[in-house]
């Protein structure tokens, strides 16, 4: 095919689950990590070259990461339409 495709769904606001997915992913990566107590973000979510990512839905479920995950995915979509 010449490209890689990543897909995830049913994150349910589980920040750890999504970050574990990104760690194992061949299409997504966190760049420019700045670990700090006030900024627990692992960096900017990036799409690797020559790849595509599909988010299948079900992001929210009153989990502790709902807002942070939505911000990461919206930012990713804005940078990689």
N, C-alpha and C. Protein backbone atom coordinates (compact mmCIF):
# COMPACT_ATOMS: atom_id res chain seq x y z
N UNK A 1 0.79 -1.20 0.00
CA UNK A 1 0.00 0.00 0.00
C UNK A 1 0.84 1.27 0.00
N UNK A 2 1.95 1.29 0.71
CA UNK A 2 2.79 2.46 0.73
C UNK A 2 2.52 3.42 1.88
N UNK A 3 1.58 3.08 2.77
CA UNK A 3 1.33 3.91 3.94
C UNK A 3 0.86 3.02 5.09
N UNK A 4 0.91 3.55 6.29
CA UNK A 4 0.42 2.83 7.46
C UNK A 4 -0.82 3.56 7.98
N UNK A 5 -1.74 2.78 8.51
CA UNK A 5 -3.00 3.30 9.02
C UNK A 5 -3.15 2.90 10.48
N UNK A 6 -3.48 3.87 11.32
CA UNK A 6 -3.75 3.60 12.73
C UNK A 6 -5.20 3.87 13.04
N UNK A 7 -5.76 3.10 13.95
CA UNK A 7 -7.17 3.24 14.31
C UNK A 7 -7.32 2.94 15.80
N UNK A 8 -8.08 3.77 16.47
CA UNK A 8 -8.40 3.50 17.88
C UNK A 8 -9.81 4.02 18.15
N UNK A 9 -10.49 3.38 19.08
CA UNK A 9 -11.84 3.78 19.47
C UNK A 9 -12.04 3.42 20.93
N UNK A 10 -13.14 3.87 21.49
CA UNK A 10 -13.52 3.55 22.87
C UNK A 10 -12.46 3.94 23.90
N UNK A 11 -11.93 5.13 23.76
CA UNK A 11 -10.93 5.62 24.70
C UNK A 11 -11.59 5.94 26.05
N UNK A 12 -12.84 6.40 26.03
CA UNK A 12 -13.64 6.62 27.23
C UNK A 12 -13.00 7.56 28.25
N UNK A 13 -12.22 8.53 27.79
CA UNK A 13 -11.60 9.48 28.69
C UNK A 13 -10.41 8.93 29.46
N UNK A 14 -9.96 7.74 29.09
CA UNK A 14 -8.85 7.09 29.79
C UNK A 14 -7.53 7.54 29.19
N UNK A 15 -6.92 8.53 29.82
CA UNK A 15 -5.68 9.12 29.33
C UNK A 15 -4.55 8.09 29.26
N UNK A 16 -4.43 7.24 30.27
CA UNK A 16 -3.37 6.22 30.29
C UNK A 16 -3.53 5.26 29.12
N UNK A 17 -4.77 4.84 28.85
CA UNK A 17 -5.04 3.93 27.74
C UNK A 17 -4.58 4.55 26.42
N UNK A 18 -4.94 5.83 26.19
CA UNK A 18 -4.57 6.49 24.94
C UNK A 18 -3.06 6.68 24.84
N UNK A 19 -2.43 7.07 25.91
CA UNK A 19 -0.97 7.26 25.88
C UNK A 19 -0.25 5.94 25.65
N UNK A 20 -0.76 4.86 26.21
CA UNK A 20 -0.19 3.54 25.93
C UNK A 20 -0.36 3.18 24.46
N UNK A 21 -1.53 3.52 23.90
CA UNK A 21 -1.76 3.27 22.47
C UNK A 21 -0.72 4.03 21.63
N UNK A 22 -0.52 5.31 21.94
CA UNK A 22 0.44 6.12 21.19
C UNK A 22 1.85 5.54 21.32
N UNK A 23 2.19 5.07 22.50
CA UNK A 23 3.52 4.50 22.72
C UNK A 23 3.76 3.27 21.83
N UNK A 24 2.72 2.50 21.58
CA UNK A 24 2.83 1.30 20.74
C UNK A 24 2.56 1.57 19.26
N UNK A 25 2.01 2.73 18.98
CA UNK A 25 1.57 3.07 17.63
C UNK A 25 2.72 3.26 16.65
N UNK A 26 2.46 2.89 15.41
CA UNK A 26 3.42 3.14 14.33
C UNK A 26 3.03 4.37 13.52
N UNK A 27 1.94 5.04 13.92
CA UNK A 27 1.50 6.21 13.17
C UNK A 27 1.49 7.49 14.01
N UNK A 28 1.35 7.38 15.32
CA UNK A 28 1.33 8.55 16.20
C UNK A 28 2.56 8.57 17.09
N UNK A 29 2.92 9.78 17.52
CA UNK A 29 4.06 9.94 18.40
C UNK A 29 3.90 11.24 19.16
N UNK A 30 4.50 11.33 20.34
CA UNK A 30 4.55 12.58 21.09
C UNK A 30 5.92 13.21 20.85
N UNK A 31 5.93 14.49 20.45
CA UNK A 31 7.18 15.23 20.19
C UNK A 31 7.33 16.34 21.21
N UNK A 32 8.56 16.76 21.41
CA UNK A 32 8.87 17.92 22.25
C UNK A 32 8.33 17.78 23.66
N UNK A 33 8.54 16.64 24.27
CA UNK A 33 8.07 16.42 25.63
C UNK A 33 8.80 17.35 26.60
N UNK A 34 8.03 17.96 27.47
CA UNK A 34 8.59 18.82 28.51
C UNK A 34 8.02 18.39 29.85
N UNK A 35 8.56 17.32 30.42
CA UNK A 35 8.01 16.84 31.68
C UNK A 35 8.21 17.88 32.79
N UNK A 36 7.15 18.19 33.48
CA UNK A 36 7.17 19.14 34.57
C UNK A 36 5.96 18.86 35.43
N UNK A 37 6.07 19.08 36.71
CA UNK A 37 4.95 18.77 37.60
C UNK A 37 3.67 19.52 37.23
N UNK A 38 3.81 20.76 36.76
CA UNK A 38 2.63 21.53 36.38
C UNK A 38 2.16 21.22 34.97
N UNK A 39 2.95 20.49 34.20
CA UNK A 39 2.61 20.17 32.81
C UNK A 39 2.87 18.69 32.57
N UNK A 40 1.92 17.83 32.92
CA UNK A 40 2.14 16.39 32.78
C UNK A 40 2.03 15.89 31.35
N UNK A 41 1.89 16.79 30.38
CA UNK A 41 1.77 16.39 28.98
C UNK A 41 3.05 15.73 28.49
N UNK A 42 2.92 14.66 27.73
CA UNK A 42 4.11 14.01 27.18
C UNK A 42 4.65 14.73 25.95
N UNK A 43 4.05 15.84 25.54
CA UNK A 43 4.48 16.57 24.36
C UNK A 43 3.33 16.77 23.40
N UNK A 44 3.67 17.16 22.18
CA UNK A 44 2.68 17.42 21.14
C UNK A 44 2.40 16.14 20.36
N UNK A 45 1.14 15.80 20.22
CA UNK A 45 0.76 14.62 19.46
C UNK A 45 1.00 14.88 17.98
N UNK A 46 1.76 14.01 17.34
CA UNK A 46 2.15 14.18 15.94
C UNK A 46 1.79 12.94 15.14
N UNK A 47 1.52 13.16 13.86
CA UNK A 47 1.29 12.08 12.91
C UNK A 47 2.60 11.83 12.16
N UNK A 48 3.05 10.60 12.15
CA UNK A 48 4.31 10.28 11.47
C UNK A 48 4.13 10.38 9.95
N UNK A 49 5.22 10.67 9.28
CA UNK A 49 5.20 10.81 7.81
C UNK A 49 4.69 9.54 7.15
N UNK A 50 3.89 9.72 6.12
CA UNK A 50 3.39 8.59 5.33
C UNK A 50 2.35 7.75 6.04
N UNK A 51 1.69 8.31 7.06
CA UNK A 51 0.70 7.55 7.82
C UNK A 51 -0.64 8.27 7.87
N UNK A 52 -1.65 7.52 8.24
CA UNK A 52 -3.00 8.05 8.43
C UNK A 52 -3.51 7.54 9.76
N UNK A 53 -4.38 8.34 10.38
CA UNK A 53 -4.95 7.96 11.68
C UNK A 53 -6.44 8.20 11.66
N UNK A 54 -7.19 7.21 12.13
CA UNK A 54 -8.64 7.31 12.24
C UNK A 54 -9.01 7.13 13.70
N UNK A 55 -9.74 8.11 14.23
CA UNK A 55 -10.29 7.97 15.57
C UNK A 55 -11.73 7.55 15.42
N UNK A 56 -12.05 6.39 15.96
CA UNK A 56 -13.37 5.79 15.75
C UNK A 56 -14.47 6.28 16.66
N UNK A 57 -14.16 7.20 17.56
CA UNK A 57 -15.20 7.75 18.41
C UNK A 57 -15.16 7.23 19.83
N UNK A 58 -16.15 7.66 20.59
CA UNK A 58 -16.31 7.30 22.00
C UNK A 58 -15.13 7.79 22.84
N UNK A 59 -14.88 9.09 22.74
CA UNK A 59 -13.78 9.71 23.48
C UNK A 59 -14.15 9.99 24.92
N UNK A 60 -15.38 10.44 25.16
CA UNK A 60 -15.79 10.91 26.49
C UNK A 60 -16.56 9.86 27.28
N UNK A 61 -16.29 9.83 28.57
CA UNK A 61 -17.08 9.01 29.49
C UNK A 61 -16.79 9.43 30.92
N UNK A 62 -16.73 10.73 31.15
CA UNK A 62 -16.48 11.27 32.48
C UNK A 62 -15.14 10.81 33.04
N UNK A 63 -14.22 10.46 32.16
CA UNK A 63 -12.89 10.06 32.61
C UNK A 63 -12.04 11.27 32.95
N UNK A 64 -10.95 11.05 33.65
CA UNK A 64 -10.10 12.17 34.07
C UNK A 64 -9.37 12.84 32.91
N UNK A 65 -9.34 12.21 31.75
CA UNK A 65 -8.61 12.77 30.62
C UNK A 65 -9.47 13.33 29.51
N UNK A 66 -10.79 13.45 29.74
CA UNK A 66 -11.70 13.88 28.68
C UNK A 66 -11.26 15.17 27.99
N UNK A 67 -11.02 16.21 28.74
CA UNK A 67 -10.68 17.51 28.16
C UNK A 67 -9.29 17.48 27.52
N UNK A 68 -8.34 16.90 28.20
CA UNK A 68 -6.98 16.83 27.66
C UNK A 68 -6.94 16.02 26.36
N UNK A 69 -7.62 14.88 26.34
CA UNK A 69 -7.65 14.05 25.13
C UNK A 69 -8.34 14.77 23.97
N UNK A 70 -9.44 15.44 24.27
CA UNK A 70 -10.14 16.15 23.19
C UNK A 70 -9.26 17.26 22.64
N UNK A 71 -8.54 17.97 23.48
CA UNK A 71 -7.64 19.03 23.01
C UNK A 71 -6.53 18.45 22.14
N UNK A 72 -5.97 17.32 22.53
CA UNK A 72 -4.91 16.69 21.74
C UNK A 72 -5.41 16.27 20.37
N UNK A 73 -6.60 15.65 20.33
CA UNK A 73 -7.12 15.17 19.05
C UNK A 73 -7.58 16.30 18.14
N UNK A 74 -8.16 17.35 18.71
CA UNK A 74 -8.55 18.51 17.89
C UNK A 74 -7.31 19.18 17.32
N UNK A 75 -6.29 19.35 18.14
CA UNK A 75 -5.04 19.93 17.66
C UNK A 75 -4.42 19.10 16.54
N UNK A 76 -4.44 17.78 16.70
CA UNK A 76 -3.91 16.89 15.67
C UNK A 76 -4.69 17.06 14.37
N UNK A 77 -6.00 17.11 14.45
CA UNK A 77 -6.85 17.27 13.26
C UNK A 77 -6.61 18.61 12.58
N UNK A 78 -6.41 19.66 13.35
CA UNK A 78 -6.14 20.99 12.76
C UNK A 78 -4.80 21.02 12.02
N UNK A 79 -3.82 20.31 12.54
CA UNK A 79 -2.51 20.31 11.91
C UNK A 79 -2.38 19.31 10.78
N UNK A 80 -3.23 18.27 10.79
CA UNK A 80 -3.21 17.23 9.75
C UNK A 80 -4.64 17.01 9.25
N UNK A 81 -5.16 17.95 8.46
CA UNK A 81 -6.56 17.82 8.01
C UNK A 81 -6.72 16.63 7.09
